[in-house]
């Protein structure tokens, strides 16, 4: 069985990727800590439990790798999994990485380098998720409850991308012929994934207000205030501080980037933020 193992198979990109691959008739294994009882291809998987890795990899020759969430250094948890993938003959690993720079995330950068260096390794560096504007993400929760976005990013812009477009790019790479999925050049082993335009939080708030019928405003705050929001949502302190520091990077323009990778990989342009909001208007009611 030449299946695709999807780690984080019930997450934002993993769920969409599972649906896309099944529509194409690709066999998949959906890995998560709580597999769906009604899905015969759902398998229990826990990064912190290496005993689950071999069973999850059984029959898989390709892997969509979503690193452990809320971990600045995923290497200690991912290394045993990669070793097992090598042992079982996995030929392609597609890593979902972040294009945003998280202070203190040297381990995540090293993981990306290791994947690029692997035969068949591809890194998808995704910009900020449009789904962050939906609950249960802390920002989406705040929009629903208070009608505002608290940010220290000023007028800095981000190339926000819909998770469904990330999944489409991943599907294209995972199902491409071997010679097309990767190569010796950097352009084949690493793709920057963004939406079609870079937007500030004020731009996003204006679009939300226009299409949802409810006023959403931006409240400028300090990075420590942003960290408090993430702490209150239950995130570890170090990760909350790093997330808040991302706002400072946005403010100085480090994430003001747009690429054509989604179009290049899938043959269609990525969704605009307005399209995303229109698709989710019921959520904001």
Protein backbone atom coordinates (compact mmCIF):
# COMPACT_ATOMS: atom_id res chain seq x y z
CA UNK A 1 0.00 0.00 0.00
CA UNK A 2 1.51 3.33 -1.08
CA UNK A 3 -0.43 5.67 1.18
CA UNK A 4 0.08 9.22 2.38
CA UNK A 5 0.38 9.52 6.13
CA UNK A 6 -1.09 12.84 7.24
CA UNK A 7 0.10 13.90 10.66
CA UNK A 8 -2.21 16.42 12.24
CA UNK A 9 -4.81 14.73 10.07
CA UNK A 10 -7.75 16.41 11.77
CA UNK A 11 -6.17 19.89 11.90
CA UNK A 12 -6.66 22.97 9.74
CA UNK A 13 -4.52 21.83 6.82
CA UNK A 14 -4.57 18.09 7.53
CA UNK A 15 -8.34 17.79 7.36
CA UNK A 16 -8.51 19.69 4.08
CA UNK A 17 -5.62 17.67 2.66
CA UNK A 18 -7.30 14.40 3.62
CA UNK A 19 -10.45 15.40 1.74
CA UNK A 20 -8.50 16.51 -1.35
CA UNK A 21 -6.44 13.33 -1.58
CA UNK A 22 -9.48 11.11 -1.08
CA UNK A 23 -11.29 12.97 -3.86
CA UNK A 24 -8.35 12.03 -6.10
CA UNK A 25 -8.49 8.39 -5.05
CA UNK A 26 -5.22 8.54 -3.12
CA UNK A 27 -5.00 6.16 -0.14
CA UNK A 28 -4.40 8.07 3.08
CA UNK A 29 -3.74 7.35 6.74
CA UNK A 30 -5.12 10.02 9.05
CA UNK A 31 -2.94 10.36 12.12
CA UNK A 32 -4.12 12.10 15.28
CA UNK A 33 -4.13 11.61 19.03
CA UNK A 34 -7.86 10.86 18.96
CA UNK A 35 -8.62 9.03 15.68
CA UNK A 36 -12.18 9.06 14.41
CA UNK A 37 -13.94 5.80 15.28
CA UNK A 38 -15.78 5.65 11.96
CA UNK A 39 -12.71 6.10 9.75
CA UNK A 40 -10.93 2.80 8.97
CA UNK A 41 -7.81 4.71 7.89
CA UNK A 42 -7.61 6.79 11.07
CA UNK A 43 -4.69 5.85 13.27
CA UNK A 44 -3.61 6.93 16.73
CA UNK A 45 -0.48 9.07 16.67
CA UNK A 46 1.27 10.98 19.42
CA UNK A 47 4.56 12.81 18.91
CA UNK A 48 5.45 12.18 22.53
CA UNK A 49 4.86 8.42 22.21
CA UNK A 50 7.33 6.84 19.74
CA UNK A 51 5.49 3.55 20.15
CA UNK A 52 2.72 4.99 17.93
CA UNK A 53 5.06 6.00 15.10
CA UNK A 54 5.67 2.62 13.47
CA UNK A 55 1.98 1.70 13.33
CA UNK A 56 1.13 5.07 11.82
CA UNK A 57 3.82 4.72 9.15
CA UNK A 58 2.79 1.19 8.18
CA UNK A 59 2.01 1.12 4.46
CA UNK A 60 2.92 4.78 3.91
CA UNK A 61 5.50 5.89 1.37
CA UNK A 62 4.79 9.63 1.69
CA UNK A 63 4.30 11.82 4.77
CA UNK A 64 2.72 15.20 5.35
CA UNK A 65 4.53 16.34 8.46
CA UNK A 66 2.90 18.90 10.75
CA UNK A 67 5.30 19.42 13.68
CA UNK A 68 4.07 19.34 17.29
CA UNK A 69 1.95 22.40 18.00
CA UNK A 70 3.10 25.10 20.42
CA UNK A 71 6.67 23.78 20.37
CA UNK A 72 9.50 26.16 19.52
CA UNK A 73 11.91 23.20 19.26
CA UNK A 74 10.15 20.23 17.65
CA UNK A 75 13.34 18.28 16.92
CA UNK A 76 13.45 16.07 20.04
CA UNK A 77 9.96 14.78 19.25
CA UNK A 78 10.30 14.58 15.46
CA UNK A 79 13.73 12.94 15.23
CA UNK A 80 12.54 9.46 16.35
CA UNK A 81 9.70 9.67 13.84
CA UNK A 82 12.04 10.55 10.96
CA UNK A 83 14.33 7.68 11.94
CA UNK A 84 11.35 5.30 11.78
CA UNK A 85 10.31 6.79 8.43
CA UNK A 86 13.78 6.06 7.07
CA UNK A 87 13.59 2.50 8.38
CA UNK A 88 10.21 1.86 6.73
CA UNK A 89 11.23 3.29 3.36
CA UNK A 90 9.30 6.55 3.19
CA UNK A 91 10.36 8.24 -0.05
CA UNK A 92 8.85 11.72 0.34
CA UNK A 93 8.38 13.98 3.38
CA UNK A 94 6.54 17.28 2.98
CA UNK A 95 7.00 19.53 6.00
CA UNK A 96 4.58 22.29 6.92
CA UNK A 97 6.77 25.07 8.30
CA UNK A 98 6.11 28.70 9.14
CA UNK A 99 7.24 31.59 6.99
CA UNK A 100 6.84 33.85 10.02
CA UNK A 101 9.94 34.21 12.18
CA UNK A 102 9.39 32.96 15.73
CA UNK A 103 12.15 34.13 18.11
CA UNK A 104 13.72 31.15 19.85
CA UNK A 105 12.63 28.66 17.18
CA UNK A 106 16.11 27.61 16.03
CA UNK A 107 15.07 23.97 16.37
CA UNK A 108 12.22 24.48 13.89
CA UNK A 109 14.64 26.06 11.42
CA UNK A 110 17.02 23.12 11.84
CA UNK A 111 14.16 20.69 11.21
CA UNK A 112 13.36 22.47 7.96
CA UNK A 113 17.01 22.25 6.90
CA UNK A 114 17.03 18.52 7.59
CA UNK A 115 13.91 17.97 5.51
CA UNK A 116 15.35 19.98 2.60
CA UNK A 117 18.48 17.82 2.73
CA UNK A 118 16.52 14.55 2.57
CA UNK A 119 15.95 12.84 -0.78
CA UNK A 120 12.34 13.65 -1.54
CA UNK A 121 12.16 16.28 1.19
CA UNK A 122 10.06 19.40 0.54
CA UNK A 123 9.37 22.32 2.88
CA UNK A 124 6.20 24.39 2.58
CA UNK A 125 6.74 27.68 4.44
CA UNK A 126 3.27 29.04 5.04
CA UNK A 127 2.48 32.64 5.93
CA UNK A 128 -0.09 33.51 8.59
CA UNK A 129 -3.29 31.46 8.42
CA UNK A 130 -6.51 33.24 7.55
CA UNK A 131 -8.15 30.71 9.90
CA UNK A 132 -6.54 32.61 12.80
CA UNK A 133 -9.41 35.05 12.35
CA UNK A 134 -11.84 32.28 13.36
CA UNK A 135 -12.51 30.80 16.79
CA UNK A 136 -11.15 28.82 18.55
CA UNK A 137 -7.92 30.68 17.74
CA UNK A 138 -7.44 33.36 20.44
CA UNK A 139 -7.66 36.16 17.87
CA UNK A 140 -10.83 34.71 16.36
CA UNK A 141 -12.33 34.30 19.83
CA UNK A 142 -11.61 37.95 20.59
CA UNK A 143 -13.25 39.06 17.33
CA UNK A 144 -16.38 37.11 18.23
CA UNK A 145 -16.60 38.24 21.85
CA UNK A 146 -15.30 41.79 21.72
CA UNK A 147 -15.27 42.82 18.05
CA UNK A 148 -11.61 43.79 18.11
CA UNK A 149 -8.10 42.66 17.23
CA UNK A 150 -5.38 43.46 19.75
CA UNK A 151 -2.01 43.72 18.02
CA UNK A 152 1.43 45.27 18.34
CA UNK A 153 2.07 45.01 14.60
CA UNK A 154 1.15 48.61 13.68
CA UNK A 155 0.61 48.94 9.94
CA UNK A 156 2.83 45.96 9.13
CA UNK A 157 1.43 43.52 6.59
CA UNK A 158 1.26 39.72 6.24
CA UNK A 159 0.59 37.59 3.16
CA UNK A 160 -2.31 35.78 4.88
CA UNK A 161 -3.16 32.42 3.33
CA UNK A 162 -6.19 30.16 3.56
CA UNK A 163 -5.36 26.75 5.05
CA UNK A 164 -7.29 25.18 2.17
CA UNK A 165 -4.73 26.61 -0.26
CA UNK A 166 -1.89 25.20 1.84
CA UNK A 167 -3.60 21.81 1.63
CA UNK A 168 -3.95 22.16 -2.16
CA UNK A 169 -0.24 22.95 -2.50
CA UNK A 170 0.65 19.99 -0.27
CA UNK A 171 -1.58 17.68 -2.34
CA UNK A 172 0.16 18.82 -5.52
CA UNK A 173 3.61 18.09 -4.10
CA UNK A 174 2.62 14.76 -2.53
CA UNK A 175 1.08 13.44 -5.76
CA UNK A 176 3.60 14.87 -8.23
CA UNK A 177 5.89 12.52 -10.15
CA UNK A 178 9.19 12.01 -8.37
CA UNK A 179 11.15 14.22 -10.75
CA UNK A 180 8.66 17.10 -10.34
CA UNK A 181 8.23 17.04 -6.56
CA UNK A 182 11.79 17.95 -5.68
CA UNK A 183 15.14 18.46 -7.23
CA UNK A 184 18.63 19.72 -6.62
CA UNK A 185 17.65 23.37 -6.67
CA UNK A 186 16.35 25.36 -3.70
CA UNK A 187 13.26 26.28 -5.70
CA UNK A 188 12.12 22.66 -5.78
CA UNK A 189 12.71 21.75 -2.13
CA UNK A 190 11.31 24.92 -0.54
CA UNK A 191 8.13 26.86 -1.32
CA UNK A 192 6.93 30.09 0.28
CA UNK A 193 3.13 29.91 0.45
CA UNK A 194 1.13 33.12 0.77
CA UNK A 195 -2.18 34.55 -0.24
CA UNK A 196 -2.49 36.89 -3.24
CA UNK A 197 -1.92 40.10 -1.23
CA UNK A 198 -0.25 41.27 1.96
CA UNK A 199 -2.68 42.87 4.42
CA UNK A 200 -2.36 44.70 7.71
CA UNK A 201 -4.68 43.90 10.60
CA UNK A 202 -6.50 47.15 9.81
CA UNK A 203 -7.03 45.91 6.25
CA UNK A 204 -8.36 42.63 7.61
CA UNK A 205 -10.63 44.36 10.12
CA UNK A 206 -12.09 46.54 7.36
CA UNK A 207 -12.81 43.46 5.23
CA UNK A 208 -14.42 41.67 8.18
CA UNK A 209 -16.59 44.71 8.90
CA UNK A 210 -17.63 45.04 5.27
CA UNK A 211 -18.60 41.41 4.71
CA UNK A 212 -19.91 40.25 8.10
CA UNK A 213 -22.08 43.20 9.05
CA UNK A 214 -20.40 43.53 12.45
CA UNK A 215 -17.83 46.17 13.30
CA UNK A 216 -14.32 44.88 13.90
CA UNK A 217 -11.70 47.37 15.07
CA UNK A 218 -7.97 47.22 15.74
CA UNK A 219 -6.66 48.03 19.22
CA UNK A 220 -2.93 48.87 19.28
CA UNK A 221 -1.21 47.28 22.29
CA UNK A 222 2.27 46.39 23.46
CA UNK A 223 3.84 42.95 22.77
CA UNK A 224 3.46 41.98 26.42
CA UNK A 225 -0.30 42.56 26.16
CA UNK A 226 -0.40 40.22 23.15
CA UNK A 227 1.52 37.61 25.13
CA UNK A 228 -1.05 37.91 27.94
CA UNK A 229 -3.84 37.06 25.48
CA UNK A 230 -2.05 33.88 24.46
CA UNK A 231 -1.23 32.98 28.06
CA UNK A 232 -4.88 33.38 28.96
CA UNK A 233 -5.71 30.99 26.11
CA UNK A 234 -3.55 28.35 27.79
CA UNK A 235 -0.40 28.52 25.64
CA UNK A 236 2.97 27.89 27.31
CA UNK A 237 4.68 31.08 28.46
CA UNK A 238 7.70 30.80 26.15
CA UNK A 239 5.49 30.18 23.14
CA UNK A 240 3.16 33.04 24.07
CA UNK A 241 6.13 35.41 24.30
CA UNK A 242 7.45 34.22 20.95
CA UNK A 243 4.06 34.68 19.29
CA UNK A 244 3.88 38.22 20.64
CA UNK A 245 7.36 38.92 19.26
CA UNK A 246 6.10 37.94 15.81
CA UNK A 247 4.00 41.11 15.92
CA UNK A 248 7.19 43.16 16.28
CA UNK A 249 8.59 41.47 13.16
CA UNK A 250 5.39 42.21 11.27
CA UNK A 251 5.61 45.84 12.36
CA UNK A 252 9.04 46.27 10.72
CA UNK A 253 7.96 44.55 7.51
CA UNK A 254 9.67 41.16 7.84
CA UNK A 255 6.53 39.28 6.79
CA UNK A 256 5.33 41.61 4.05
CA UNK A 257 5.82 39.04 1.29
CA UNK A 258 3.70 37.57 -1.48
CA UNK A 259 4.60 34.61 -3.70
CA UNK A 260 3.09 32.82 -6.68
CA UNK A 261 3.81 29.35 -5.26
CA UNK A 262 0.16 28.31 -4.79
CA UNK A 263 -0.60 29.19 -8.41
CA UNK A 264 2.61 27.56 -9.62
CA UNK A 265 1.92 24.31 -7.75
CA UNK A 266 -1.84 23.98 -8.14
CA UNK A 267 -2.66 25.88 -11.32
CA UNK A 268 -5.07 28.24 -9.59
CA UNK A 269 -4.55 31.41 -7.55
CA UNK A 270 -4.95 31.39 -3.78
CA UNK A 271 -8.14 32.71 -2.20
CA UNK A 272 -8.33 36.37 -1.27
CA UNK A 273 -9.10 37.38 2.31
CA UNK A 274 -12.49 38.69 1.16
CA UNK A 275 -13.31 35.27 -0.33
CA UNK A 276 -12.28 33.63 2.92
CA UNK A 277 -14.51 35.92 4.98
CA UNK A 278 -17.48 35.42 2.64
CA UNK A 279 -17.06 31.66 2.99
CA UNK A 280 -17.27 32.00 6.78
CA UNK A 281 -19.86 34.74 7.30
CA UNK A 282 -22.07 32.33 9.30
CA UNK A 283 -19.23 31.92 11.80
CA UNK A 284 -19.32 35.61 12.68
CA UNK A 285 -23.06 35.63 13.34
